[in-house]
Protein backbone atom coordinates (compact mmCIF):
# COMPACT_ATOMS: atom_id res chain seq x y z
CA MET A 1 8.90 -52.67 12.01
CA THR A 2 7.42 -51.52 8.70
CA THR A 3 8.80 -48.78 6.52
CA GLU A 4 5.68 -46.68 7.09
CA SER A 5 6.26 -46.64 10.86
CA VAL A 6 9.84 -45.49 10.43
CA ASN A 7 9.05 -42.87 7.81
CA PRO A 8 5.42 -41.83 8.28
CA PRO A 9 3.87 -40.08 5.28
CA LYS A 10 4.17 -36.31 5.39
CA ARG A 11 0.99 -34.42 6.05
CA PHE A 12 -0.14 -31.94 3.47
CA LYS A 13 0.75 -28.44 4.60
CA TYR A 14 -1.42 -25.64 3.30
CA ASN A 15 0.68 -22.85 1.77
CA ALA A 16 -1.39 -19.67 1.87
CA THR A 17 1.04 -17.72 -0.34
CA LEU A 18 1.06 -20.41 -3.03
CA ALA A 19 -2.74 -20.63 -2.89
CA ILE A 20 -3.05 -16.89 -3.47
CA VAL A 21 -0.58 -16.99 -6.38
CA VAL A 22 -2.47 -19.90 -7.96
CA ALA A 23 -5.78 -18.07 -7.46
CA MET A 24 -4.38 -14.91 -9.06
CA VAL A 25 -2.96 -16.75 -12.10
CA ALA A 26 -6.14 -18.81 -12.49
CA GLY A 27 -8.16 -15.60 -12.24
CA TYR A 28 -6.20 -14.06 -15.12
CA ILE A 29 -6.68 -17.13 -17.32
CA VAL A 30 -10.36 -17.54 -16.55
CA GLY A 31 -10.92 -13.79 -16.99
CA VAL A 32 -9.39 -13.81 -20.48
CA ILE A 33 -11.49 -16.84 -21.47
CA GLY A 34 -14.75 -15.88 -19.76
CA GLY A 35 -14.85 -12.20 -20.67
CA GLU A 36 -17.44 -9.77 -19.34
CA SER A 37 -19.78 -12.52 -18.14
CA LEU A 38 -17.50 -12.95 -15.12
CA SER A 39 -18.62 -9.58 -13.80
CA GLN A 40 -21.38 -11.58 -12.12
CA ILE A 41 -18.92 -13.03 -9.58
CA GLN A 42 -17.16 -9.77 -8.70
CA PHE A 43 -19.48 -9.41 -5.70
CA ILE A 44 -17.73 -12.39 -4.04
CA GLY A 45 -14.41 -10.55 -4.24
CA ASP A 46 -16.06 -7.36 -3.00
CA VAL A 47 -17.47 -9.25 0.00
CA PHE A 48 -14.00 -10.60 0.80
CA PHE A 49 -12.47 -7.12 0.73
CA ARG A 50 -15.24 -5.73 2.92
CA LEU A 51 -14.74 -8.50 5.47
CA VAL A 52 -11.07 -7.61 5.76
CA GLN A 53 -11.60 -3.86 5.70
CA MET A 54 -14.25 -3.91 8.42
CA GLY A 55 -11.54 -4.52 10.99
CA ILE A 56 -8.58 -2.74 9.38
CA VAL A 57 -9.27 0.81 10.62
CA PRO A 58 -9.69 -0.15 14.32
CA PHE A 59 -6.78 -2.60 14.00
CA VAL A 60 -4.45 0.10 12.68
CA MET A 61 -5.63 2.52 15.36
CA CYS A 62 -5.12 -0.03 18.15
CA THR A 63 -1.66 -0.91 16.84
CA ILE A 64 -0.55 2.74 16.69
CA ILE A 65 -2.07 3.63 20.07
CA GLU A 66 -0.36 0.62 21.66
CA ALA A 67 2.97 1.36 19.95
CA VAL A 68 2.95 5.08 20.85
CA GLY A 69 1.54 4.51 24.35
CA GLY A 70 4.18 1.88 25.11
CA LEU A 71 7.13 4.10 24.21
CA THR A 72 8.84 6.80 26.20
CA ALA A 73 8.89 10.32 24.78
CA ARG A 74 12.56 9.87 23.91
CA ASP A 75 12.01 6.61 22.02
CA LEU A 76 8.97 7.99 20.23
CA SER A 77 10.75 11.12 19.06
CA GLY A 78 13.60 9.00 17.69
CA ILE A 79 11.67 6.23 15.91
CA GLY A 80 8.66 8.32 14.87
CA VAL A 81 10.62 11.29 13.50
CA LYS A 82 13.04 9.03 11.61
CA GLY A 83 10.15 7.10 10.10
CA ILE A 84 8.35 10.25 8.94
CA ALA A 85 11.61 11.63 7.51
CA TRP A 86 12.10 8.46 5.44
CA PHE A 87 8.45 8.59 4.33
CA ALA A 88 8.80 12.18 3.10
CA GLY A 89 12.17 11.70 1.43
CA SER A 90 11.24 8.51 -0.40
CA SER A 91 7.86 9.87 -1.58
CA ILE A 92 9.44 13.05 -2.99
CA LEU A 93 12.11 10.99 -4.74
CA ALA A 94 9.46 8.62 -6.11
CA ALA A 95 7.40 11.48 -7.53
CA SER A 96 10.56 12.96 -9.09
CA CYS A 97 11.33 9.63 -10.76
CA GLY A 98 7.78 9.48 -12.09
CA VAL A 99 8.06 12.98 -13.56
CA ALA A 100 11.42 12.16 -15.16
CA ALA A 101 10.27 8.82 -16.63
CA ALA A 102 7.06 10.22 -18.12
CA THR A 103 8.90 13.22 -19.57
CA ILE A 104 11.58 11.04 -21.19
CA PHE A 105 9.41 8.20 -22.53
CA GLN A 106 6.23 10.24 -23.28
CA PRO A 107 3.56 7.55 -22.76
CA GLY A 108 0.79 9.95 -23.82
CA ALA A 109 2.30 10.91 -27.19
CA GLY A 110 0.16 9.91 -30.19
CA LEU A 111 -2.94 8.99 -28.18
CA ALA A 112 -4.98 12.10 -28.93
CA ASP A 113 -6.82 10.44 -31.85
CA ALA A 114 -7.33 7.06 -30.15
CA ALA A 115 -10.97 6.00 -29.83
CA LEU A 116 -10.48 5.46 -26.09
CA VAL A 117 -9.48 9.12 -25.66
CA GLN A 118 -12.18 10.48 -27.98
CA GLU A 119 -14.90 8.56 -26.12
CA ALA A 120 -13.60 9.25 -22.62
CA THR A 121 -16.14 10.74 -20.25
CA TYR A 122 -16.22 11.39 -16.54
CA ASP A 123 -19.08 12.66 -14.41
CA ALA A 124 -17.57 15.83 -12.98
CA SER A 125 -20.77 16.72 -11.13
CA SER A 126 -19.84 14.27 -8.36
CA THR A 127 -16.36 15.72 -7.97
CA THR A 128 -15.36 19.02 -6.41
CA ALA A 129 -11.92 20.51 -6.89
CA VAL A 130 -9.65 19.67 -3.97
CA THR A 131 -7.04 22.27 -3.04
CA VAL A 132 -3.82 21.66 -1.15
CA GLN A 133 -5.35 23.53 1.79
CA ASP A 134 -8.35 21.18 1.73
CA THR A 135 -6.07 18.16 1.68
CA ILE A 136 -4.13 19.35 4.73
CA THR A 137 -7.31 20.37 6.57
CA ASN A 138 -8.79 16.91 5.97
CA PHE A 139 -5.86 15.36 7.83
CA PHE A 140 -7.66 16.47 11.00
CA SER A 141 -11.05 15.10 12.00
CA SER A 142 -13.90 16.95 13.64
CA ASN A 143 -15.55 13.61 14.41
CA ILE A 144 -13.33 10.55 14.78
CA VAL A 145 -16.29 8.16 14.55
CA SER A 146 -17.34 9.53 11.15
CA SER A 147 -13.70 9.37 9.97
CA MET A 148 -13.53 5.72 11.00
CA GLY A 149 -16.79 5.01 9.18
CA ALA A 150 -15.51 6.71 6.03
CA GLY A 151 -12.20 4.83 6.21
CA ALA A 152 -10.22 8.10 6.28
CA MET A 153 -6.91 6.75 7.54
CA VAL A 154 -4.90 9.94 8.05
CA PRO A 155 -7.36 11.58 10.51
CA CYS A 156 -7.66 8.25 12.35
CA ILE A 157 -3.89 8.03 12.65
CA VAL A 158 -3.63 11.63 13.90
CA PHE A 159 -6.20 10.78 16.60
CA SER A 160 -4.39 7.52 17.43
CA ILE A 161 -1.06 9.29 17.86
CA ALA A 162 -2.71 11.91 20.12
CA LEU A 163 -4.35 9.24 22.29
CA GLY A 164 -1.13 7.21 22.33
CA LEU A 165 0.82 10.27 23.51
CA ALA A 166 -1.74 10.85 26.26
CA ILE A 167 -1.39 7.22 27.41
CA SER A 168 2.41 7.45 27.29
CA TRP A 169 2.30 10.62 29.42
CA TRP A 170 -0.12 8.99 31.89
CA ARG A 171 2.04 5.87 32.26
CA SER A 172 5.21 7.90 32.79
CA ASN A 173 3.49 9.81 35.59
CA HIS A 174 1.94 6.69 37.18
CA GLU A 175 4.81 4.23 37.11
CA GLY A 176 3.87 0.81 38.42
CA GLU A 177 0.15 1.41 38.04
CA PRO A 178 -1.83 -0.51 35.38
CA CYS A 179 -3.50 1.51 32.64
CA PRO A 180 -6.86 -0.15 31.88
CA VAL A 181 -7.34 1.76 28.62
CA PHE A 182 -3.92 0.71 27.33
CA ASP A 183 -4.49 -2.93 28.29
CA PHE A 184 -7.95 -2.95 26.68
CA ILE A 185 -6.65 -1.47 23.43
CA ALA A 186 -3.78 -3.99 23.29
CA GLN A 187 -6.14 -6.94 23.82
CA PHE A 188 -8.74 -5.55 21.41
CA GLY A 189 -6.04 -5.22 18.73
CA GLU A 190 -5.05 -8.86 19.23
CA LEU A 191 -8.68 -9.98 18.84
CA LEU A 192 -9.08 -7.94 15.66
CA LEU A 193 -5.97 -9.60 14.25
CA VAL A 194 -7.52 -13.00 14.95
CA VAL A 195 -10.62 -11.95 13.00
CA ILE A 196 -8.55 -10.63 10.08
CA ARG A 197 -6.44 -13.81 9.94
CA GLY A 198 -9.62 -15.88 9.94
CA VAL A 199 -11.00 -13.92 6.98
CA MET A 200 -7.67 -14.30 5.16
CA THR A 201 -8.14 -18.06 5.05
CA ILE A 202 -10.67 -17.51 2.25
CA ALA A 203 -8.37 -15.05 0.44
CA PRO A 204 -7.76 -17.34 -2.58
CA ILE A 205 -11.50 -17.53 -3.30
CA GLY A 206 -12.05 -13.79 -2.98
CA ILE A 207 -8.94 -12.95 -5.04
CA PHE A 208 -9.86 -15.41 -7.80
CA CYS A 209 -13.34 -13.91 -8.14
CA TYR A 210 -12.07 -10.33 -8.08
CA VAL A 211 -9.19 -10.85 -10.52
CA SER A 212 -11.18 -12.93 -13.01
CA SER A 213 -14.04 -10.40 -13.06
CA MET A 214 -11.70 -7.41 -13.45
CA VAL A 215 -9.67 -9.04 -16.24
CA GLY A 216 -12.87 -10.19 -17.95
CA GLN A 217 -14.27 -6.66 -17.96
CA LEU A 218 -10.98 -5.04 -19.02
CA GLY A 219 -10.61 -6.50 -22.52
CA PRO A 220 -7.92 -5.73 -25.13
CA GLU A 221 -9.73 -2.63 -26.43
CA VAL A 222 -8.88 -0.87 -23.14
CA LEU A 223 -5.46 -2.33 -22.52
CA ILE A 224 -3.73 -2.05 -25.91
CA PRO A 225 -3.94 1.77 -26.45
CA LEU A 226 -2.54 2.36 -22.97
CA LEU A 227 0.11 -0.37 -23.05
CA LYS A 228 2.98 2.14 -23.27
CA TYR A 229 1.57 4.01 -20.27
CA LEU A 230 1.44 0.79 -18.24
CA LEU A 231 5.00 -0.13 -19.31
CA VAL A 232 6.35 3.29 -18.28
CA LEU A 233 4.48 3.16 -14.97
CA GLY A 234 5.51 -0.44 -14.26
CA GLY A 235 9.11 0.14 -15.36
CA THR A 236 9.47 3.19 -13.10
CA VAL A 237 8.02 1.31 -10.13
CA PHE A 238 10.31 -1.67 -10.77
CA ALA A 239 13.39 0.56 -11.08
CA PHE A 240 12.50 2.37 -7.85
CA LEU A 241 11.95 -0.96 -6.10
CA VAL A 242 15.39 -2.15 -7.20
CA LEU A 243 16.92 1.13 -5.99
CA TRP A 244 15.22 0.67 -2.61
CA ILE A 245 16.54 -2.89 -2.25
CA ILE A 246 20.11 -1.77 -3.05
CA VAL A 247 19.98 1.15 -0.60
CA VAL A 248 18.45 -0.94 2.21
CA CYS A 249 20.87 -3.84 1.79
CA VAL A 250 23.92 -1.55 1.71
CA ARG A 251 22.72 0.43 4.76
CA CYS A 252 21.78 -2.66 6.77
CA SER A 253 24.57 -4.92 5.40
CA LEU A 254 22.09 -7.63 4.40
CA SER A 255 21.82 -10.05 1.49
CA PRO A 256 19.58 -8.77 -1.36
CA ALA A 257 18.63 -12.34 -2.33
CA VAL A 258 17.44 -13.15 1.20
CA LEU A 259 15.54 -9.86 1.45
CA ILE A 260 13.74 -10.50 -1.84
CA ARG A 261 12.77 -13.96 -0.58
CA HIS A 262 11.36 -12.45 2.63
CA ILE A 263 9.25 -9.79 0.88
CA TRP A 264 7.89 -12.29 -1.65
CA ARG A 265 4.70 -13.13 0.27
CA MET A 266 3.67 -9.56 1.06
CA SER A 267 4.47 -8.50 -2.52
CA PHE A 268 2.19 -11.14 -4.00
CA MET A 269 -0.51 -10.24 -1.51
CA ALA A 270 -0.21 -6.58 -2.56
CA ILE A 271 -0.48 -7.46 -6.25
CA ALA A 272 -3.41 -9.82 -5.72
CA THR A 273 -5.48 -7.59 -3.43
CA ILE A 274 -4.34 -4.14 -4.74
CA SER A 275 -4.90 -2.90 -1.18
CA SER A 276 -2.30 -1.75 1.34
CA ALA A 277 -4.88 -2.14 4.10
CA VAL A 278 -5.60 -5.79 3.33
CA THR A 279 -1.86 -6.53 3.06
CA LEU A 280 -0.92 -4.82 6.35
CA PRO A 281 -1.27 -7.84 8.72
CA VAL A 282 0.87 -10.00 6.39
CA GLU A 283 3.37 -7.16 5.99
CA MET A 284 3.74 -6.73 9.77
CA ASP A 285 4.12 -10.47 10.33
CA ASP A 286 6.83 -10.83 7.68
CA ALA A 287 8.69 -7.70 8.83
CA LYS A 288 8.94 -9.03 12.40
CA ASN A 289 9.20 -12.79 11.90
CA LYS A 290 11.11 -13.05 8.62
CA ILE A 291 13.11 -9.85 8.22
CA GLY A 292 13.70 -9.41 11.96
CA VAL A 293 12.65 -5.78 12.39
CA ARG A 294 12.34 -5.03 16.12
CA GLU A 295 8.73 -5.32 17.23
CA ASP A 296 8.27 -1.78 18.58
CA ILE A 297 9.67 -0.30 15.36
CA ALA A 298 7.48 -2.45 13.10
CA ASP A 299 4.35 -1.78 15.20
CA LEU A 300 4.84 1.99 14.90
CA VAL A 301 6.38 2.56 11.47
CA LEU A 302 4.38 0.11 9.33
CA PRO A 303 0.84 1.24 10.28
CA LEU A 304 1.98 4.86 9.95
CA GLY A 305 3.48 4.10 6.56
CA MET A 306 0.25 2.70 5.12
CA PRO A 307 -1.29 6.17 4.48
CA LEU A 308 1.80 8.37 4.96
CA ASN A 309 4.27 6.57 2.69
CA SER A 310 2.80 5.78 -0.72
CA ASN A 311 5.79 5.70 -3.07
CA GLY A 312 3.77 3.83 -5.68
CA ALA A 313 0.96 6.37 -5.52
CA SER A 314 3.44 9.25 -5.92
CA ILE A 315 4.86 7.69 -9.09
CA HIS A 316 1.38 6.87 -10.40
CA LEU A 317 0.08 10.42 -9.92
CA ALA A 318 3.14 12.00 -11.55
CA VAL A 319 3.25 9.63 -14.54
CA THR A 320 -0.51 9.83 -15.15
CA ALA A 321 -0.66 13.63 -14.92
CA ILE A 322 2.11 14.05 -17.50
CA THR A 323 0.52 11.37 -19.70
CA ILE A 324 -2.77 13.31 -19.71
CA ALA A 325 -0.93 16.55 -20.49
CA GLN A 326 0.83 14.86 -23.43
CA ILE A 327 -2.45 13.47 -24.76
CA TYR A 328 -3.99 16.96 -24.86
CA GLY A 329 -0.86 18.69 -26.13
CA MET A 330 -0.15 20.60 -22.93
CA THR A 331 3.47 21.32 -22.01
CA PHE A 332 5.03 21.66 -18.56
CA GLY A 333 8.03 23.86 -17.73
CA GLY A 334 10.63 23.71 -14.95
CA LEU A 335 8.48 25.16 -12.16
CA ASP A 336 5.54 23.04 -13.33
CA PHE A 337 7.60 19.91 -12.75
CA VAL A 338 8.49 21.08 -9.25
CA PHE A 339 4.83 21.80 -8.48
CA LEU A 340 3.79 18.42 -9.90
CA THR A 341 6.37 16.64 -7.73
CA VAL A 342 5.18 18.43 -4.61
CA ILE A 343 1.46 17.97 -5.32
CA SER A 344 1.94 14.27 -6.18
CA THR A 345 3.73 13.76 -2.86
CA LEU A 346 1.10 15.63 -0.85
CA LEU A 347 -1.88 13.96 -2.51
CA SER A 348 -0.33 10.53 -2.02
CA LEU A 349 -0.86 11.17 1.70
CA ALA A 350 -4.60 11.35 1.05
CA ASN A 351 -4.38 8.17 -0.98
CA ALA A 352 -7.11 5.58 -0.35
CA VAL A 353 -5.86 2.18 0.85
CA ALA A 354 -8.52 0.06 -0.83
CA PRO A 355 -9.14 -1.18 -4.39
CA GLY A 356 -10.10 1.66 -6.73
CA ALA A 357 -7.72 4.15 -5.10
CA ASP A 358 -6.23 5.08 -8.49
CA ILE A 359 -9.41 6.82 -9.68
CA VAL A 360 -9.85 8.56 -6.31
CA SER A 361 -6.29 9.89 -6.59
CA LEU A 362 -6.82 11.20 -10.11
CA THR A 363 -9.92 13.17 -9.10
CA MET A 364 -7.66 15.08 -6.71
CA ILE A 365 -4.66 15.84 -8.94
CA VAL A 366 -6.28 16.49 -12.34
CA PRO A 367 -8.11 19.71 -11.28
CA GLN A 368 -4.94 20.96 -9.55
CA LEU A 369 -3.05 20.95 -12.87
CA GLY A 370 -5.81 22.47 -15.00
CA LEU A 371 -6.34 19.23 -16.92
CA PRO A 372 -9.79 18.18 -18.19
CA LEU A 373 -11.75 15.99 -15.77
CA SER A 374 -13.00 13.91 -18.69
CA SER A 375 -9.44 12.57 -19.01
CA ILE A 376 -10.01 10.47 -15.89
CA GLY A 377 -12.34 8.31 -17.96
CA ILE A 378 -9.38 7.23 -20.12
CA PHE A 379 -7.92 5.35 -17.19
CA ALA A 380 -11.17 4.16 -15.61
CA GLY A 381 -10.72 0.63 -16.96
CA LEU A 382 -7.22 0.20 -15.59
CA THR A 383 -8.11 -0.10 -11.91
CA TYR A 384 -6.66 -3.56 -11.46
CA PRO A 385 -3.34 -3.36 -13.39
CA VAL A 386 -2.57 0.14 -12.10
CA GLY A 387 -3.54 -0.85 -8.56
CA ALA A 388 -1.29 -3.91 -8.69
CA ILE A 389 1.67 -1.86 -9.94
CA ARG A 390 1.42 0.89 -7.36
CA THR A 391 0.41 -1.22 -4.36
CA ILE A 392 3.48 -3.48 -4.47
CA LEU A 393 5.74 -0.43 -4.07
CA ASN A 394 3.47 1.17 -1.47
CA VAL A 395 3.71 -1.97 0.69
CA ASP A 396 7.37 -2.87 0.17
CA SER A 397 8.59 0.71 0.69
CA ASP A 398 6.89 0.77 4.11
CA VAL A 399 9.01 -2.21 5.16
CA PHE A 400 12.13 -0.64 3.67
CA CYS A 401 11.53 2.57 5.65
CA ALA A 402 11.11 0.50 8.83
CA MET A 403 14.40 -1.28 8.06
CA MET A 404 16.19 2.05 7.55
CA VAL A 405 14.88 3.26 10.91
CA ALA A 406 15.85 -0.04 12.54
CA ALA A 407 19.37 0.18 11.08
CA GLY A 408 20.03 3.22 13.27
CA GLU A 409 18.68 1.60 16.45
CA LYS A 410 20.40 -0.85 18.78
CA ASP A 411 19.32 -4.41 17.89
CA GLY A 412 16.92 -2.87 15.37
CA ILE A 413 17.21 -5.88 13.05
CA ASP A 414 17.66 -9.41 14.37
CA ARG A 415 20.09 -10.98 11.90
CA ASP A 416 19.43 -14.47 13.25
CA VAL A 417 15.78 -14.06 12.27
CA PHE A 418 16.71 -12.55 8.88
CA TYR A 419 19.01 -15.43 7.96
CA GLY A 420 16.70 -18.07 9.43
CA LYS A 421 19.03 -19.22 12.22
CA LYS A 422 16.38 -18.97 14.94
CA ALA A 423 13.94 -20.94 12.80
CA LEU A 424 16.56 -23.67 12.37
CA GLU A 425 17.19 -23.78 16.13
CA LYS A 426 13.47 -24.34 16.74
């Protein structure tokens, strides 16, 4: 018997996470070397994002409808209310941290005479001032089909919850009878997930093209003047992420090192794609199969968290607003800070879940604070670095909220899954 027959050579196993990391790093390097000429390949990255996003809205809706429709009213009130409470609390705290960090470190100080600020322009004709009342009104759709086409997640989620509640009520009053609509939605959601996973196999190619083109177009003339702003924003997000990990691990009595290892894949996906929507399928898979969050909790809380729990967006809006105020010599008082915290939290709910969401967010908050719309042009070139910074917290905080909800439920977190015991048994 030969050695080869006893110890057959190991087959190469494709590691999707490693491939994405390599693509992202290679994209940075090639972008720095290639410069603006790489803008010609950005369309490949855009096509990749569109392929994923074409199924995200119906996938999220199917997941929420199935999760809500499969729960009793008692279960739904417990899990859903707890999840929303954690969303609200964490987003308010995140905005407060952003206000405090920007006030202390003053990232906008001394930038008034920078060429980037002097030359900043923004076409205000395409932007109308958005009030708080408008934001809340837009949470509700007059036409769900048009909301789905526009990718407006909050109205779609409101509709999904309403339909899910109707299905839950129907099932409770027709026990033992099959619900064709519920079964169809569940199966349709599974098929959409198959499509999304298929598209994700080409993620390294799309991410490489997108990152290299964005870095190539960015250039040092944009990055260097705003380096302090990026450091303050990134430092605040990192500190808040560390705080989250400590709180979650203490509440759930789990190992921080193991938790960090389990959120590694979704975190890299968030940084690479700068999209909570694109990261959602990976996030849900890791939450259930690596962290051990109970399936019904993950299926309800995580899709809800995508638009309703944007900790990173709250910090970004608060830090950027104060940075703009500092650039133009405007000062905020005590009540102004309170208003900024509240408005940053509210507008994070209307946050877009696709690349470029940072500019969309700024068009909403800048008019609210009486700041010049032209200031948005200062940050127009920072879409990728800002998106990467805020998206990692947006994604990870959704999982942390689900874990906090699960900690209060019976068998909410499977510790055998978390510590890899079930994987070893298999």
